[in-house]
C-alpha atoms as a PDB file:
ATOM      1  CA  MET A   1      16.205 -16.302  -3.143  1.00  0.00           C
ATOM      2  CA  ARG A   2      18.755 -13.341  -2.693  1.00  0.00           C
ATOM      3  CA  ARG A   3      19.531 -10.239  -4.143  1.00  0.00           C
ATOM      4  CA  ARG A   4      21.397  -7.166  -3.369  1.00  0.00           C
ATOM      5  CA  SER A   5      19.883  -4.785  -0.649  1.00  0.00           C
ATOM      6  CA  LEU A   6      19.005  -1.341  -1.754  1.00  0.00           C
ATOM      7  CA  PRO A   7      17.929   1.880  -0.340  1.00  0.00           C
ATOM      8  CA  VAL A   8      14.295   2.202   0.152  1.00  0.00           C
ATOM      9  CA  PRO A   9      13.197   5.822  -0.811  1.00  0.00           C
ATOM     10  CA  LEU A  10       9.634   6.748   0.014  1.00  0.00           C
ATOM     11  CA  ALA A  11       9.173   7.819  -3.734  1.00  0.00           C
ATOM     12  CA  ALA A  12       9.601   4.016  -4.294  1.00  0.00           C
ATOM     13  CA  ILE A  13       6.275   3.597  -2.504  1.00  0.00           C
ATOM     14  CA  LEU A  14       4.729   6.509  -3.573  1.00  0.00           C
ATOM     15  CA  ALA A  15       5.385   5.771  -7.273  1.00  0.00           C
ATOM     16  CA  ALA A  16       4.338   6.582 -11.118  1.00  0.00           C
ATOM     17  CA  GLY A  17       0.333   7.446 -12.502  1.00  0.00           C
ATOM     18  CA  LEU A  18      -2.505   6.557 -14.848  1.00  0.00           C
ATOM     19  CA  SER A  19      -4.741   7.716 -17.951  1.00  0.00           C
ATOM     20  CA  LEU A  20      -8.146   8.261 -19.511  1.00  0.00           C
ATOM     21  CA  PRO A  21     -10.359   5.329 -18.912  1.00  0.00           C
ATOM     22  CA  ALA A  22     -13.527   3.720 -19.903  1.00  0.00           C
ATOM     23  CA  VAL A  23     -16.319   3.773 -17.013  1.00  0.00           C
ATOM     24  CA  ARG A  24     -18.336   0.459 -16.404  1.00  0.00           C
ATOM     25  CA  ALA A  25     -20.869  -0.428 -13.587  1.00  0.00           C
ATOM     26  CA  GLU A  26     -19.212  -4.364 -13.455  1.00  0.00           C
ATOM     27  CA  GLY A  27     -15.557  -4.827 -13.503  1.00  0.00           C
ATOM     28  CA  PRO A  28     -13.009  -7.933 -12.387  1.00  0.00           C
ATOM     29  CA  ALA A  29     -13.501  -9.306  -9.261  1.00  0.00           C
ATOM     30  CA  ALA A  30     -11.761  -7.988  -6.084  1.00  0.00           C
ATOM     31  CA  PRO A  31      -8.743  -8.894  -4.986  1.00  0.00           C
ATOM     32  CA  PRO A  32      -8.387 -11.421  -2.161  1.00  0.00           C
ATOM     33  CA  SER A  33      -8.217  -9.581   1.139  1.00  0.00           C
ATOM     34  CA  VAL A  34      -5.429  -9.732   3.346  1.00  0.00           C
ATOM     35  CA  THR A  35      -6.014 -10.775   7.092  1.00  0.00           C
ATOM     36  CA  GLU A  36      -4.162  -8.964   9.509  1.00  0.00           C
ATOM     37  CA  PRO A  37      -3.249 -10.166  12.969  1.00  0.00           C
ATOM     38  CA  LYS A  38      -4.703  -8.428  15.841  1.00  0.00           C
ATOM     39  CA  PRO A  39      -2.452  -5.716  17.168  1.00  0.00           C
ATOM     40  CA  PRO A  40      -0.957  -5.823  20.831  1.00  0.00           C
ATOM     41  CA  VAL A  41      -2.082  -4.099  23.570  1.00  0.00           C
ATOM     42  CA  ARG A  42      -0.127  -1.111  24.199  1.00  0.00           C
ATOM     43  CA  ASN A  43       0.413   1.189  26.983  1.00  0.00           C
ATOM     44  CA  ILE A  44       0.568   4.892  26.214  1.00  0.00           C
ATOM     45  CA  GLY A  45       4.042   6.592  26.674  1.00  0.00           C
ATOM     46  CA  GLY A  46       5.751   3.308  26.078  1.00  0.00           C
ATOM     47  CA  PRO A  47       9.749   4.143  25.665  1.00  0.00           C
ATOM     48  CA  GLY A  48      11.266   5.881  22.802  1.00  0.00           C
ATOM     49  CA  ASP A  49       7.680   7.010  21.972  1.00  0.00           C
ATOM     50  CA  TYR A  50       8.437  10.509  22.028  1.00  0.00           C
ATOM     51  CA  ALA A  51      11.514  10.438  20.006  1.00  0.00           C
ATOM     52  CA  LEU A  52       9.560   8.421  17.428  1.00  0.00           C
ATOM     53  CA  ARG A  53       6.664  10.899  17.255  1.00  0.00           C
ATOM     54  CA  GLU A  54       9.070  14.059  16.922  1.00  0.00           C
ATOM     55  CA  LYS A  55      10.577  12.393  14.046  1.00  0.00           C
ATOM     56  CA  LEU A  56       7.548  11.559  12.257  1.00  0.00           C
ATOM     57  CA  VAL A  57       6.311  15.075  13.000  1.00  0.00           C
ATOM     58  CA  GLN A  58       9.330  16.624  11.851  1.00  0.00           C
ATOM     59  CA  ARG A  59       8.842  14.482   8.526  1.00  0.00           C
ATOM     60  CA  MET A  60       5.227  15.604   8.019  1.00  0.00           C
ATOM     61  CA  THR A  61       6.026  19.350   8.413  1.00  0.00           C
ATOM     62  CA  ARG A  62       8.394  18.897   5.279  1.00  0.00           C
ATOM     63  CA  ASP A  63       5.172  18.556   3.311  1.00  0.00           C
ATOM     64  CA  PRO A  64       3.232  21.892   2.530  1.00  0.00           C
ATOM     65  CA  GLU A  65      -0.080  19.986   2.700  1.00  0.00           C
ATOM     66  CA  LEU A  66       0.549  17.789   5.435  1.00  0.00           C
ATOM     67  CA  ALA A  67       1.616  20.771   7.599  1.00  0.00           C
ATOM     68  CA  ALA A  68      -1.607  22.655   6.592  1.00  0.00           C
ATOM     69  CA  SER A  69      -3.671  19.781   7.719  1.00  0.00           C
ATOM     70  CA  ARG A  70      -2.212  18.676  10.752  1.00  0.00           C
ATOM     71  CA  PRO A  71      -3.884  15.321  11.539  1.00  0.00           C
ATOM     72  CA  SER A  72      -3.584  14.269  14.921  1.00  0.00           C
ATOM     73  CA  VAL A  73      -0.878  11.812  15.578  1.00  0.00           C
ATOM     74  CA  ILE A  74      -0.439   9.661  18.578  1.00  0.00           C
ATOM     75  CA  LEU A  75       2.109   7.319  19.393  1.00  0.00           C
ATOM     76  CA  VAL A  76       1.543   4.181  21.500  1.00  0.00           C
ATOM     77  CA  ASN A  77       4.559   1.868  22.318  1.00  0.00           C
ATOM     78  CA  GLY A  78       5.565   2.247  18.037  1.00  0.00           C
ATOM     79  CA  GLY A  79       2.100   2.386  17.169  1.00  0.00           C
ATOM     80  CA  VAL A  80       0.658   5.229  15.279  1.00  0.00           C
ATOM     81  CA  VAL A  81      -2.883   6.406  15.474  1.00  0.00           C
ATOM     82  CA  PHE A  82      -3.961   8.996  12.898  1.00  0.00           C
ATOM     83  CA  SER A  83      -7.108  10.896  13.286  1.00  0.00           C
ATOM     84  CA  GLY A  84      -8.296  14.467  12.243  1.00  0.00           C
ATOM     85  CA  GLU A  85      -9.688  15.555   8.833  1.00  0.00           C
ATOM     86  CA  VAL A  86      -7.611  15.909   5.718  1.00  0.00           C
ATOM     87  CA  PRO A  87      -8.221  17.581   2.273  1.00  0.00           C
ATOM     88  CA  THR A  88      -7.705  14.478  -0.133  1.00  0.00           C
ATOM     89  CA  TRP A  89      -7.369  10.836  -0.033  1.00  0.00           C
ATOM     90  CA  THR A  90      -3.630  11.384  -1.396  1.00  0.00           C
ATOM     91  CA  VAL A  91      -2.903  13.754   1.485  1.00  0.00           C
ATOM     92  CA  ARG A  92      -4.040  10.946   3.827  1.00  0.00           C
ATOM     93  CA  ARG A  93      -1.881   8.139   1.673  1.00  0.00           C
ATOM     94  CA  ARG A  94       1.191  10.377   2.097  1.00  0.00           C
ATOM     95  CA  ALA A  95       0.473  10.527   6.039  1.00  0.00           C
ATOM     96  CA  LEU A  96       0.214   6.591   6.611  1.00  0.00           C
ATOM     97  CA  ALA A  97       3.433   6.036   4.003  1.00  0.00           C
ATOM     98  CA  LEU A  98       5.332   8.731   6.052  1.00  0.00           C
ATOM     99  CA  ALA A  99       4.814   6.770   9.347  1.00  0.00           C
ATOM    100  CA  GLY A 100       5.244   3.435   7.800  1.00  0.00           C
ATOM    101  CA  GLY A 101       8.748   4.199   6.264  1.00  0.00           C
ATOM    102  CA  VAL A 102       9.930   5.478   9.889  1.00  0.00           C
ATOM    103  CA  ARG A 103      12.106   2.546  11.582  1.00  0.00           C
ATOM    104  CA  GLY A 104      10.622   2.049  14.960  1.00  0.00           C
ATOM    105  CA  ILE A 105       7.134   2.239  13.911  1.00  0.00           C
ATOM    106  CA  VAL A 106       5.670  -0.909  14.179  1.00  0.00           C
ATOM    107  CA  ASN A 107       1.735  -0.478  13.303  1.00  0.00           C
ATOM    108  CA  VAL A 108      -0.176   2.506  11.641  1.00  0.00           C
ATOM    109  CA  THR A 109      -3.727   2.891  12.152  1.00  0.00           C
ATOM    110  CA  ASP A 110      -5.622   5.338  10.085  1.00  0.00           C
ATOM    111  CA  GLN A 111      -8.670   6.973  11.261  1.00  0.00           C
ATOM    112  CA  MET A 112      -8.496   9.929   9.260  1.00  0.00           C
ATOM    113  CA  MET A 113     -11.462  11.668   7.234  1.00  0.00           C
ATOM    114  CA  VAL A 114     -11.665  13.197   3.758  1.00  0.00           C
ATOM    115  CA  PRO A 115     -14.620  15.701   3.578  1.00  0.00           C
ATOM    116  CA  ARG A 116     -17.113  14.933   0.861  1.00  0.00           C
ATOM    117  CA  GLY A 117     -18.480  18.204   0.423  1.00  0.00           C
ATOM    118  CA  ASP A 118     -21.217  19.091  -2.416  1.00  0.00           C
ATOM    119  CA  VAL A 119     -18.998  17.478  -4.987  1.00  0.00           C
ATOM    120  CA  LYS A 120     -20.706  15.043  -7.168  1.00  0.00           C
ATOM    121  CA  ASP A 121     -19.431  11.760  -8.008  1.00  0.00           C
ATOM    122  CA  GLU A 122     -19.660  12.518 -12.146  1.00  0.00           C
ATOM    123  CA  ALA A 123     -17.472  15.771 -11.289  1.00  0.00           C
ATOM    124  CA  ILE A 124     -15.194  13.612  -9.505  1.00  0.00           C
ATOM    125  CA  LEU A 125     -14.663  10.794 -12.234  1.00  0.00           C
ATOM    126  CA  ARG A 126     -14.306  13.612 -14.686  1.00  0.00           C
ATOM    127  CA  GLY A 127     -11.590  15.393 -12.222  1.00  0.00           C
ATOM    128  CA  MET A 128      -9.654  11.811 -12.233  1.00  0.00           C
ATOM    129  CA  ALA A 129      -9.932  11.235 -15.802  1.00  0.00           C
ATOM    130  CA  ALA A 130      -8.675  14.430 -16.401  1.00  0.00           C
ATOM    131  CA  VAL A 131      -5.422  14.293 -13.804  1.00  0.00           C
ATOM    132  CA  LEU A 132      -4.604  10.389 -15.372  1.00  0.00           C
ATOM    133  CA  LYS A 133      -4.852  11.086 -18.883  1.00  0.00           C
ATOM    134  CA  ASP A 134      -1.149  12.073 -19.270  1.00  0.00           C
ATOM    135  CA  TRP A 135      -0.048   9.058 -17.321  1.00  0.00           C
ATOM    136  CA  LYS A 136      -1.339   6.250 -19.615  1.00  0.00           C
ATOM    137  CA  GLU A 137       2.525   6.042 -21.282  1.00  0.00           C
ATOM    138  CA  PRO A 138       4.519   6.419 -18.301  1.00  0.00           C
ATOM    139  CA  LEU A 139       2.633   3.679 -16.266  1.00  0.00           C
ATOM    140  CA  ALA A 140       1.745   1.371 -19.218  1.00  0.00           C
ATOM    141  CA  ILE A 141      -1.880   1.454 -18.306  1.00  0.00           C
ATOM    142  CA  ASP A 142      -4.526  -0.370 -20.291  1.00  0.00           C
ATOM    143  CA  ALA A 143      -8.126  -1.344 -19.949  1.00  0.00           C
ATOM    144  CA  LEU A 144      -8.536   1.474 -17.641  1.00  0.00           C
ATOM    145  CA  GLU A 145     -11.769   1.959 -15.999  1.00  0.00           C
ATOM    146  CA  ILE A 146     -13.025   4.180 -13.236  1.00  0.00           C
ATOM    147  CA  SER A 147     -16.303   4.084 -11.316  1.00  0.00           C
ATOM    148  CA  VAL A 148     -17.452   6.546  -8.617  1.00  0.00           C
ATOM    149  CA  GLN A 149     -20.635   5.849  -6.060  1.00  0.00           C
ATOM    150  CA  ASP A 150     -21.262   7.930  -3.220  1.00  0.00           C
ATOM    151  CA  GLY A 151     -17.538   9.280  -3.237  1.00  0.00           C
ATOM    152  CA  VAL A 152     -16.029   5.979  -3.377  1.00  0.00           C
ATOM    153  CA  ALA A 153     -14.130   5.714  -6.501  1.00  0.00           C
ATOM    154  CA  THR A 154     -12.913   2.108  -8.127  1.00  0.00           C
ATOM    155  CA  LEU A 155     -10.043   2.005 -10.320  1.00  0.00           C
ATOM    156  CA  ARG A 156      -9.601  -1.122 -12.565  1.00  0.00           C
ATOM    157  CA  GLY A 157      -7.230  -2.176 -15.334  1.00  0.00           C
ATOM    158  CA  LYS A 158      -3.620  -2.885 -15.690  1.00  0.00           C
ATOM    159  CA  VAL A 159      -0.595  -1.121 -14.975  1.00  0.00           C
ATOM    160  CA  LYS A 160       3.412  -1.662 -15.337  1.00  0.00           C
ATOM    161  CA  ASN A 161       4.380  -2.586 -12.075  1.00  0.00           C
ATOM    162  CA  PHE A 162       3.550  -2.361  -8.079  1.00  0.00           C
ATOM    163  CA  ALA A 163       5.125   1.399  -8.365  1.00  0.00           C
ATOM    164  CA  ALA A 164       2.838   2.445 -11.034  1.00  0.00           C
ATOM    165  CA  ARG A 165      -0.042   0.729  -9.154  1.00  0.00           C
ATOM    166  CA  VAL A 166       0.565   2.964  -6.115  1.00  0.00           C
ATOM    167  CA  ARG A 167       1.278   5.928  -8.215  1.00  0.00           C
ATOM    168  CA  ALA A 168      -2.146   5.703  -9.842  1.00  0.00           C
ATOM    169  CA  GLU A 169      -3.804   5.875  -6.985  1.00  0.00           C
ATOM    170  CA  GLU A 170      -1.988   8.874  -5.626  1.00  0.00           C
ATOM    171  CA  VAL A 171      -2.582  10.894  -8.660  1.00  0.00           C
ATOM    172  CA  ALA A 172      -6.540   9.783  -8.369  1.00  0.00           C
ATOM    173  CA  GLY A 173      -6.747  11.053  -4.747  1.00  0.00           C
ATOM    174  CA  THR A 174      -5.714  14.057  -5.421  1.00  0.00           C
ATOM    175  CA  ILE A 175      -9.235  15.178  -6.944  1.00  0.00           C
ATOM    176  CA  ALA A 176     -11.732  16.479  -4.119  1.00  0.00           C
ATOM    177  CA  GLY A 177     -14.780  14.956  -2.993  1.00  0.00           C
ATOM    178  CA  ALA A 178     -13.139  11.453  -3.265  1.00  0.00           C
ATOM    179  CA  GLN A 179     -13.439   9.901   0.142  1.00  0.00           C
ATOM    180  CA  THR A 180     -12.027   6.774  -0.633  1.00  0.00           C
ATOM    181  CA  ILE A 181     -10.216   4.675  -3.694  1.00  0.00           C
ATOM    182  CA  VAL A 182     -10.602   1.218  -3.886  1.00  0.00           C
ATOM    183  CA  ASN A 183      -7.624  -0.028  -6.208  1.00  0.00           C
ATOM    184  CA  ARG A 184      -7.963  -3.006  -8.461  1.00  0.00           C
ATOM    185  CA  LEU A 185      -5.478  -2.217 -10.743  1.00  0.00           C
ATOM    186  CA  ARG A 186      -3.394  -5.326 -11.630  1.00  0.00           C
ATOM    187  CA  PRO A 187       0.394  -4.945 -12.338  1.00  0.00           C
ATOM    188  CA  LEU A 188       1.767  -6.584 -15.424  1.00  0.00           C
ATOM    189  CA  THR A 189       4.576  -8.029 -13.119  1.00  0.00           C
ATOM    190  CA  ALA A 190       2.190 -10.014 -11.066  1.00  0.00           C
ATOM    191  CA  PRO A 191       2.632 -13.814 -11.300  1.00  0.00           C
ATOM    192  CA  THR A 192       0.016 -16.408 -11.378  1.00  0.00           C
ATOM    193  CA  GLY A 193      -0.210 -19.812  -9.961  1.00  0.00           C
ATOM    194  CA  ALA A 194      -2.569 -23.019 -10.919  1.00  0.00           C
ATOM    195  CA  ASP A 195      -2.403 -25.050  -7.902  1.00  0.00           C
ATOM    196  CA  ASP A 196      -0.718 -24.533  -4.320  1.00  0.00           C
ATOM    197  CA  ARG A 197       2.858 -24.981  -5.291  1.00  0.00           C
ATOM    198  CA  SER A 198       2.813 -22.876  -8.312  1.00  0.00           C
ATOM    199  CA  ILE A 199       1.131 -19.888  -6.768  1.00  0.00           C
ATOM    200  CA  ARG A 200       3.918 -20.580  -3.657  1.00  0.00           C
ATOM    201  CA  LYS A 201       6.590 -20.147  -6.342  1.00  0.00           C
ATOM    202  CA  ALA A 202       4.778 -17.243  -7.993  1.00  0.00           C
ATOM    203  CA  VAL A 203       4.508 -15.369  -4.579  1.00  0.00           C
ATOM    204  CA  ALA A 204       8.171 -16.028  -3.531  1.00  0.00           C
ATOM    205  CA  SER A 205       9.536 -15.227  -6.847  1.00  0.00           C
ATOM    206  CA  TRP A 206       7.525 -11.724  -6.747  1.00  0.00           C
ATOM    207  CA  LEU A 207       8.577 -10.840  -3.471  1.00  0.00           C
ATOM    208  CA  GLY A 208      12.225 -11.676  -4.008  1.00  0.00           C
ATOM    209  CA  ASP A 209      12.288  -9.402  -6.902  1.00  0.00           C
ATOM    210  CA  PHE A 210      13.953  -6.115  -5.674  1.00  0.00           C
ATOM    211  CA  ARG A 211      12.225  -4.051  -8.946  1.00  0.00           C
ATOM    212  CA  ASP A 212       8.581  -4.501  -7.225  1.00  0.00           C
ATOM    213  CA  TYR A 213       9.910  -5.135  -3.561  1.00  0.00           C
ATOM    214  CA  PRO A 214      12.458  -3.148  -2.457  1.00  0.00           C
ATOM    215  CA  TYR A 215      12.872  -4.248   1.456  1.00  0.00           C
ATOM    216  CA  PRO A 216      15.733  -6.408   2.926  1.00  0.00           C
ATOM    217  CA  ALA A 217      13.662  -8.940   4.473  1.00  0.00           C
ATOM    218  CA  SER A 218      13.359 -12.610   5.698  1.00  0.00           C
ATOM    219  CA  LEU A 219      10.362 -14.217   4.831  1.00  0.00           C
ATOM    220  CA  GLU A 220       8.569 -17.342   4.530  1.00  0.00           C
ATOM    221  CA  VAL A 221       5.296 -18.264   2.321  1.00  0.00           C
ATOM    222  CA  ALA A 222       3.137 -21.203   2.594  1.00  0.00           C
ATOM    223  CA  VAL A 223      -0.012 -21.881   0.651  1.00  0.00           C
ATOM    224  CA  LYS A 224      -2.888 -24.431   1.141  1.00  0.00           C
ATOM    225  CA  ASP A 225      -5.870 -24.386  -0.816  1.00  0.00           C
ATOM    226  CA  GLY A 226      -5.211 -21.169  -2.418  1.00  0.00           C
ATOM    227  CA  ARG A 227      -4.881 -19.290   1.077  1.00  0.00           C
ATOM    228  CA  VAL A 228      -1.204 -17.866   1.614  1.00  0.00           C
ATOM    229  CA  THR A 229       0.296 -17.269   4.968  1.00  0.00           C
ATOM    230  CA  LEU A 230       3.201 -15.079   5.223  1.00  0.00           C
ATOM    231  CA  THR A 231       5.872 -15.541   8.215  1.00  0.00           C
ATOM    232  CA  GLY A 232       9.078 -13.695   8.748  1.00  0.00           C
ATOM    233  CA  GLU A 233      10.268 -10.276   9.491  1.00  0.00           C
ATOM    234  CA  VAL A 234      10.830  -6.678   8.202  1.00  0.00           C
ATOM    235  CA  ALA A 235      12.826  -3.750   9.417  1.00  0.00           C
ATOM    236  CA  ILE A 236       9.849  -1.082   8.830  1.00  0.00           C
ATOM    237  CA  TYR A 237       5.982  -1.328   8.455  1.00  0.00           C
ATOM    238  CA  LEU A 238       5.560  -0.670   5.161  1.00  0.00           C
ATOM    239  CA  GLY A 239       7.624  -3.500   3.774  1.00  0.00           C
ATOM    240  CA  ARG A 240       4.886  -5.695   5.661  1.00  0.00           C
ATOM    241  CA  GLN A 241       2.158  -4.112   4.101  1.00  0.00           C
ATOM    242  CA  GLN A 242       3.454  -4.264   0.670  1.00  0.00           C
ATOM    243  CA  ALA A 243       4.087  -8.088   0.775  1.00  0.00           C
ATOM    244  CA  GLY A 244       0.387  -8.383   2.079  1.00  0.00           C
ATOM    245  CA  THR A 245      -0.507  -6.681  -0.921  1.00  0.00           C
ATOM    246  CA  MET A 246       1.726  -8.065  -3.432  1.00  0.00           C
ATOM    247  CA  ALA A 247       0.623 -11.751  -2.372  1.00  0.00           C
ATOM    248  CA  ALA A 248      -3.037 -10.911  -2.554  1.00  0.00           C
ATOM    249  CA  LEU A 249      -2.615  -9.737  -6.288  1.00  0.00           C
ATOM    250  CA  VAL A 250      -0.912 -13.321  -7.142  1.00  0.00           C
ATOM    251  CA  GLY A 251      -3.074 -14.903  -9.545  1.00  0.00           C
ATOM    252  CA  GLY A 252      -4.951 -18.000  -7.708  1.00  0.00           C
ATOM    253  CA  VAL A 253      -4.425 -16.628  -4.449  1.00  0.00           C
ATOM    254  CA  THR A 254      -8.069 -16.739  -2.781  1.00  0.00           C
ATOM    255  CA  SER A 255      -6.910 -15.089   0.705  1.00  0.00           C
ATOM    256  CA  VAL A 256      -3.650 -13.899   2.598  1.00  0.00           C
ATOM    257  CA  ASP A 257      -2.675 -14.455   6.144  1.00  0.00           C
ATOM    258  CA  ASN A 258      -0.379 -11.493   6.829  1.00  0.00           C
ATOM    259  CA  ARG A 259       1.472 -12.765  10.118  1.00  0.00           C
ATOM    260  CA  ILE A 260       5.078 -10.898   9.032  1.00  0.00           C
ATOM    261  CA  ARG A 261       6.705  -9.231  12.016  1.00  0.00           C
ATOM    262  CA  VAL A 262       8.019  -5.674  12.127  1.00  0.00           C
ATOM    263  CA  GLU A 263      11.445  -5.924  13.817  1.00  0.00           C
ATOM    264  CA  PRO A 264      12.949  -2.480  13.853  1.00  0.00           C
ATOM    265  CA  SER A 265      16.365  -3.484  15.247  1.00  0.00           C
ATOM    266  CA  SER A 266      16.726  -5.950  12.034  1.00  0.00           C
ATOM    267  CA  GLN A 267      19.834  -5.597  10.123  1.00  0.00           C
ATOM    268  CA  LEU A 268      19.106  -7.763   7.387  1.00  0.00           C
ATOM    269  CA  PRO A 269      21.414  -7.314   4.543  1.00  0.00           C
ATOM    270  CA  ASP A 270      19.305  -8.950   1.676  1.00  0.00           C
ATOM    271  CA  THR A 271      15.842 -10.214   1.145  1.00  0.00           C
ATOM    272  CA  VAL A 272      15.503 -14.035   1.508  1.00  0.00           C
ATOM    273  CA  VAL A 273      12.414 -15.509   0.813  1.00  0.00           C
ATOM    274  CA  ARG A 274      11.684 -19.248   1.692  1.00  0.00           C
ATOM    275  CA  GLU A 275       9.007 -21.366   0.287  1.00  0.00           C
ATOM    276  CA  ILE A 276       7.555 -23.796   2.980  1.00  0.00           C
ATOM    277  CA  PRO A 277       5.836 -26.709   1.585  1.00  0.00           C
END
């Protein structure tokens, strides 16, 4: 499948937000996990690392919260490692998204921590409900549920599209004390398959839709017994990560093996997605 190439602004990754939820102990099953290949062994001080790190740090200094938090940034042969304390989950996500959007960065490792403090779960839940209340209509939120246990918040329900799913997490993550957010929101645009053939077609079709996947890429999709394998290449790390997450959200998928390569030198003008029988 082909489409015209579009620019990939960071705002497309950190898209739009949420609304007032019901709270239940139980909810839909978690989407399948995405298997990542073992990262290559890296040597500190690889070619180009200094320039890449400078570019990333400069972008981070333009964000007041990131500039104030000053997480540690180590760059090793194109792989970024973040560590240190940041005030909220949203700031943590923002750092990861900034790094993943820099051409030349091929892997991002998150060792940052969000402090729990003395904020109780009930206060976190009330805070998230309050900040998400105004986002129901813009994001087409339906059947939203929020639960919080030991500082870990889980979001369930439906949202307009993939960008809305990301934005919902960003909005909820502004609440202090939320150390982790488990995002189980399902985009209304996520398709469903009934068998391997239809699942393969569903994954390929969704990744080929520039409205949800705006990254020029050359991808292959194979499915066996509901298990999806993604191969091919993209130019930036964010494109690789989003492809794996989107595949996991397709109905009927049981697991995802993400083998997509990040090729910073790639000059792909379009997104091409091939189905591998």
